[in-house]
Amino acid sequence: GFVDVYGEDKDGNLVVVEIKRKTAGKEAAFQLAKYIEAIRARSNRKVRGILVAPSLGKDVQRVLETLGLGYKHLEPKRCAETLSRTKTKKLAEFFKET
């Protein structure tokens, strides 16, 4: 699969965001964890992962905590508004900066 959104936080860490339009299940958490591991293998920078969804399924918060990932509640309409005004940059460009 492909990373939905990636960027850099104020501390210079890479941030990977997985966005779900509906309730996010455990498979979404594991998908995000795979992306994080793949990026860590190619970069010497700290990588954070955030799952964004309207809600989480049963026990997903516990899975995220176990995997060291974050969660952010965001309604689909607000997500579309946020994404429509972001600046894009290819993921490969972040690896060149490390």
N, C-alpha and C. Protein backbone atom coordinates (compact mmCIF):
# COMPACT_ATOMS: atom_id res chain seq x y z
N GLY A 1 0.81 -1.19 0.00
CA GLY A 1 0.00 0.00 0.00
C GLY A 1 0.85 1.25 0.00
N PHE A 2 0.19 2.37 0.08
CA PHE A 2 0.85 3.66 0.06
C PHE A 2 0.52 4.44 1.32
N VAL A 3 1.47 5.23 1.76
CA VAL A 3 1.29 6.11 2.91
C VAL A 3 0.28 7.19 2.50
N ASP A 4 -0.69 7.45 3.37
CA ASP A 4 -1.70 8.48 3.06
C ASP A 4 -1.10 9.88 3.14
N VAL A 5 -0.47 10.18 4.26
CA VAL A 5 0.13 11.50 4.46
C VAL A 5 1.43 11.31 5.23
N TYR A 6 2.43 12.04 4.85
CA TYR A 6 3.69 12.02 5.57
C TYR A 6 4.22 13.43 5.64
N GLY A 7 5.03 13.66 6.63
CA GLY A 7 5.57 15.00 6.81
C GLY A 7 6.64 14.99 7.87
N GLU A 8 6.88 16.15 8.38
CA GLU A 8 7.92 16.35 9.39
C GLU A 8 7.32 17.20 10.51
N ASP A 9 7.55 16.79 11.75
CA ASP A 9 7.04 17.57 12.86
C ASP A 9 8.02 18.67 13.25
N LYS A 10 7.66 19.47 14.22
CA LYS A 10 8.49 20.62 14.61
C LYS A 10 9.85 20.22 15.15
N ASP A 11 10.00 18.94 15.56
CA ASP A 11 11.27 18.46 16.08
C ASP A 11 12.12 17.77 15.02
N GLY A 12 11.65 17.76 13.78
CA GLY A 12 12.40 17.15 12.69
C GLY A 12 12.16 15.66 12.52
N ASN A 13 11.19 15.11 13.24
CA ASN A 13 10.86 13.69 13.10
C ASN A 13 9.96 13.50 11.89
N LEU A 14 10.12 12.37 11.21
CA LEU A 14 9.18 12.04 10.15
C LEU A 14 7.87 11.60 10.79
N VAL A 15 6.76 11.96 10.18
CA VAL A 15 5.45 11.59 10.69
C VAL A 15 4.67 10.93 9.56
N VAL A 16 4.15 9.74 9.84
CA VAL A 16 3.34 9.01 8.88
C VAL A 16 1.92 8.98 9.42
N VAL A 17 0.97 9.37 8.57
CA VAL A 17 -0.43 9.42 8.98
C VAL A 17 -1.24 8.48 8.10
N GLU A 18 -1.97 7.59 8.74
CA GLU A 18 -2.89 6.69 8.03
C GLU A 18 -4.29 7.19 8.31
N ILE A 19 -5.04 7.47 7.26
CA ILE A 19 -6.38 8.03 7.39
C ILE A 19 -7.43 6.99 7.01
N LYS A 20 -8.43 6.86 7.87
CA LYS A 20 -9.57 5.99 7.59
C LYS A 20 -10.84 6.83 7.62
N ARG A 21 -11.72 6.60 6.66
CA ARG A 21 -12.97 7.35 6.58
C ARG A 21 -14.02 6.84 7.56
N LYS A 22 -13.88 5.60 7.97
CA LYS A 22 -14.83 5.00 8.91
C LYS A 22 -14.07 4.49 10.12
N THR A 23 -14.76 3.81 10.99
CA THR A 23 -14.14 3.26 12.20
C THR A 23 -12.90 2.45 11.83
N ALA A 24 -11.78 2.76 12.47
CA ALA A 24 -10.52 2.08 12.20
C ALA A 24 -10.41 0.83 13.07
N GLY A 25 -10.10 -0.28 12.44
CA GLY A 25 -9.92 -1.54 13.14
C GLY A 25 -8.46 -1.83 13.40
N LYS A 26 -8.21 -2.98 13.98
CA LYS A 26 -6.84 -3.39 14.29
C LYS A 26 -5.98 -3.47 13.03
N GLU A 27 -6.59 -3.88 11.91
CA GLU A 27 -5.82 -4.00 10.68
C GLU A 27 -5.24 -2.65 10.26
N ALA A 28 -5.92 -1.56 10.55
CA ALA A 28 -5.40 -0.22 10.23
C ALA A 28 -4.18 0.09 11.08
N ALA A 29 -4.20 -0.30 12.34
CA ALA A 29 -3.05 -0.09 13.22
C ALA A 29 -1.85 -0.89 12.72
N PHE A 30 -2.08 -2.14 12.33
CA PHE A 30 -0.99 -2.98 11.83
C PHE A 30 -0.46 -2.48 10.49
N GLN A 31 -1.35 -1.94 9.66
CA GLN A 31 -0.94 -1.35 8.39
C GLN A 31 -0.01 -0.17 8.63
N LEU A 32 -0.40 0.70 9.55
CA LEU A 32 0.44 1.85 9.89
C LEU A 32 1.79 1.40 10.44
N ALA A 33 1.78 0.39 11.29
CA ALA A 33 3.04 -0.13 11.86
C ALA A 33 3.97 -0.64 10.76
N LYS A 34 3.42 -1.29 9.73
CA LYS A 34 4.24 -1.77 8.60
C LYS A 34 4.89 -0.60 7.88
N TYR A 35 4.11 0.46 7.64
CA TYR A 35 4.67 1.65 6.98
C TYR A 35 5.81 2.24 7.80
N ILE A 36 5.60 2.33 9.11
CA ILE A 36 6.62 2.90 9.98
C ILE A 36 7.91 2.08 9.90
N GLU A 37 7.78 0.77 9.98
CA GLU A 37 8.97 -0.09 9.93
C GLU A 37 9.70 0.03 8.59
N ALA A 38 8.95 0.11 7.51
CA ALA A 38 9.57 0.25 6.19
C ALA A 38 10.34 1.57 6.08
N ILE A 39 9.79 2.62 6.63
CA ILE A 39 10.45 3.92 6.58
C ILE A 39 11.66 3.95 7.51
N ARG A 40 11.53 3.37 8.68
CA ARG A 40 12.67 3.31 9.61
C ARG A 40 13.85 2.57 9.00
N ALA A 41 13.57 1.56 8.20
CA ALA A 41 14.63 0.78 7.56
C ALA A 41 15.43 1.60 6.56
N ARG A 42 14.83 2.68 6.05
CA ARG A 42 15.49 3.51 5.05
C ARG A 42 15.97 4.85 5.58
N SER A 43 15.71 5.13 6.84
CA SER A 43 16.04 6.44 7.38
C SER A 43 16.68 6.30 8.76
N ASN A 44 17.53 7.24 9.08
CA ASN A 44 18.13 7.24 10.42
C ASN A 44 17.44 8.26 11.33
N ARG A 45 16.25 8.68 10.94
CA ARG A 45 15.49 9.65 11.74
C ARG A 45 14.40 8.95 12.52
N LYS A 46 13.95 9.59 13.58
CA LYS A 46 12.82 9.08 14.34
C LYS A 46 11.57 9.19 13.48
N VAL A 47 10.72 8.16 13.54
CA VAL A 47 9.49 8.14 12.76
C VAL A 47 8.31 7.94 13.70
N ARG A 48 7.34 8.82 13.60
CA ARG A 48 6.11 8.72 14.39
C ARG A 48 4.97 8.28 13.49
N GLY A 49 4.01 7.57 14.06
CA GLY A 49 2.85 7.13 13.31
C GLY A 49 1.57 7.57 13.99
N ILE A 50 0.64 8.08 13.20
CA ILE A 50 -0.64 8.54 13.74
C ILE A 50 -1.76 7.98 12.88
N LEU A 51 -2.71 7.32 13.53
CA LEU A 51 -3.90 6.83 12.86
C LEU A 51 -5.00 7.86 13.03
N VAL A 52 -5.59 8.29 11.93
CA VAL A 52 -6.63 9.31 11.95
C VAL A 52 -7.93 8.67 11.46
N ALA A 53 -8.98 8.80 12.25
CA ALA A 53 -10.27 8.20 11.89
C ALA A 53 -11.38 8.83 12.73
N PRO A 54 -12.62 8.68 12.28
CA PRO A 54 -13.74 9.18 13.08
C PRO A 54 -13.87 8.46 14.42
N SER A 55 -13.47 7.18 14.46
CA SER A 55 -13.54 6.40 15.70
C SER A 55 -12.66 5.17 15.58
N LEU A 56 -12.44 4.52 16.71
CA LEU A 56 -11.63 3.31 16.76
C LEU A 56 -12.50 2.12 17.14
N GLY A 57 -12.21 0.97 16.55
CA GLY A 57 -12.90 -0.26 16.91
C GLY A 57 -12.46 -0.75 18.28
N LYS A 58 -13.06 -1.84 18.69
CA LYS A 58 -12.78 -2.44 19.99
C LYS A 58 -11.31 -2.82 20.11
N ASP A 59 -10.70 -2.41 21.19
CA ASP A 59 -9.31 -2.72 21.55
C ASP A 59 -8.25 -2.10 20.64
N VAL A 60 -8.64 -1.25 19.70
CA VAL A 60 -7.65 -0.66 18.79
C VAL A 60 -6.75 0.32 19.54
N GLN A 61 -7.29 1.08 20.48
CA GLN A 61 -6.46 2.01 21.25
C GLN A 61 -5.34 1.26 21.96
N ARG A 62 -5.67 0.11 22.51
CA ARG A 62 -4.66 -0.71 23.21
C ARG A 62 -3.58 -1.18 22.23
N VAL A 63 -3.98 -1.59 21.03
CA VAL A 63 -3.02 -2.02 20.01
C VAL A 63 -2.12 -0.86 19.62
N LEU A 64 -2.69 0.32 19.41
CA LEU A 64 -1.89 1.50 19.06
C LEU A 64 -0.86 1.80 20.14
N GLU A 65 -1.28 1.76 21.39
CA GLU A 65 -0.37 2.03 22.50
C GLU A 65 0.75 1.00 22.55
N THR A 66 0.41 -0.25 22.33
CA THR A 66 1.41 -1.32 22.33
C THR A 66 2.44 -1.12 21.23
N LEU A 67 1.98 -0.65 20.08
CA LEU A 67 2.86 -0.42 18.93
C LEU A 67 3.57 0.93 18.97
N GLY A 68 3.23 1.76 19.96
CA GLY A 68 3.85 3.08 20.07
C GLY A 68 3.32 4.07 19.04
N LEU A 69 2.06 3.90 18.64
CA LEU A 69 1.44 4.76 17.64
C LEU A 69 0.38 5.65 18.28
N GLY A 70 0.07 6.75 17.61
CA GLY A 70 -0.92 7.68 18.14
C GLY A 70 -2.23 7.60 17.38
N TYR A 71 -3.24 8.29 17.94
CA TYR A 71 -4.56 8.36 17.32
C TYR A 71 -5.05 9.80 17.39
N LYS A 72 -5.70 10.21 16.32
CA LYS A 72 -6.32 11.52 16.28
C LYS A 72 -7.71 11.38 15.67
N HIS A 73 -8.71 11.85 16.41
CA HIS A 73 -10.09 11.84 15.92
C HIS A 73 -10.25 12.95 14.90
N LEU A 74 -10.84 12.62 13.77
CA LEU A 74 -11.10 13.63 12.75
C LEU A 74 -12.25 13.16 11.87
N GLU A 75 -13.26 13.98 11.77
CA GLU A 75 -14.41 13.65 10.93
C GLU A 75 -14.00 13.71 9.45
N PRO A 76 -14.59 12.88 8.60
CA PRO A 76 -14.20 12.85 7.18
C PRO A 76 -14.27 14.21 6.48
N LYS A 77 -15.30 14.99 6.74
CA LYS A 77 -15.42 16.29 6.09
C LYS A 77 -14.25 17.20 6.46
N ARG A 78 -13.91 17.23 7.72
CA ARG A 78 -12.80 18.06 8.19
C ARG A 78 -11.48 17.55 7.62
N CYS A 79 -11.34 16.25 7.50
CA CYS A 79 -10.14 15.66 6.93
C CYS A 79 -9.96 16.11 5.48
N ALA A 80 -11.01 16.06 4.69
CA ALA A 80 -10.95 16.49 3.30
C ALA A 80 -10.54 17.96 3.20
N GLU A 81 -11.07 18.79 4.08
CA GLU A 81 -10.72 20.21 4.09
C GLU A 81 -9.25 20.40 4.42
N THR A 82 -8.77 19.65 5.39
CA THR A 82 -7.37 19.76 5.82
C THR A 82 -6.43 19.32 4.71
N LEU A 83 -6.73 18.18 4.09
CA LEU A 83 -5.86 17.65 3.05
C LEU A 83 -5.84 18.52 1.80
N SER A 84 -6.93 19.20 1.50
CA SER A 84 -6.99 20.00 0.29
C SER A 84 -6.09 21.22 0.35
N ARG A 85 -5.62 21.60 1.52
CA ARG A 85 -4.76 22.78 1.60
C ARG A 85 -3.33 22.46 2.01
N THR A 86 -2.93 21.20 1.93
CA THR A 86 -1.57 20.85 2.31
C THR A 86 -0.63 20.91 1.12
N LYS A 87 0.62 21.16 1.42
CA LYS A 87 1.67 21.18 0.42
C LYS A 87 2.23 19.76 0.30
N THR A 88 2.41 19.28 -0.89
CA THR A 88 2.91 17.91 -1.06
C THR A 88 4.40 17.89 -1.36
N LYS A 89 5.00 16.80 -0.96
CA LYS A 89 6.41 16.58 -1.19
C LYS A 89 6.59 15.07 -1.28
N LYS A 90 7.39 14.60 -2.18
CA LYS A 90 7.58 13.17 -2.33
C LYS A 90 8.34 12.60 -1.15
N LEU A 91 7.94 11.40 -0.73
CA LEU A 91 8.57 10.74 0.40
C LEU A 91 10.07 10.56 0.18
N ALA A 92 10.47 10.29 -1.03
CA ALA A 92 11.89 10.11 -1.34
C ALA A 92 12.71 11.36 -1.00
N GLU A 93 12.08 12.54 -1.08
CA GLU A 93 12.79 13.77 -0.75
C GLU A 93 13.16 13.82 0.72
N PHE A 94 12.32 13.23 1.59
CA PHE A 94 12.65 13.20 3.01
C PHE A 94 13.88 12.33 3.27
N PHE A 95 14.01 11.23 2.51
CA PHE A 95 15.15 10.35 2.71
C PHE A 95 16.45 11.01 2.26
N LYS A 96 16.38 11.87 1.27
CA LYS A 96 17.56 12.58 0.81
C LYS A 96 18.05 13.57 1.86
N GLU A 97 17.12 14.06 2.71
CA GLU A 97 17.47 15.05 3.73
C GLU A 97 18.10 14.42 4.95
N THR A 98 18.04 13.11 5.08
CA THR A 98 18.56 12.46 6.30
C THR A 98 20.03 12.19 6.22
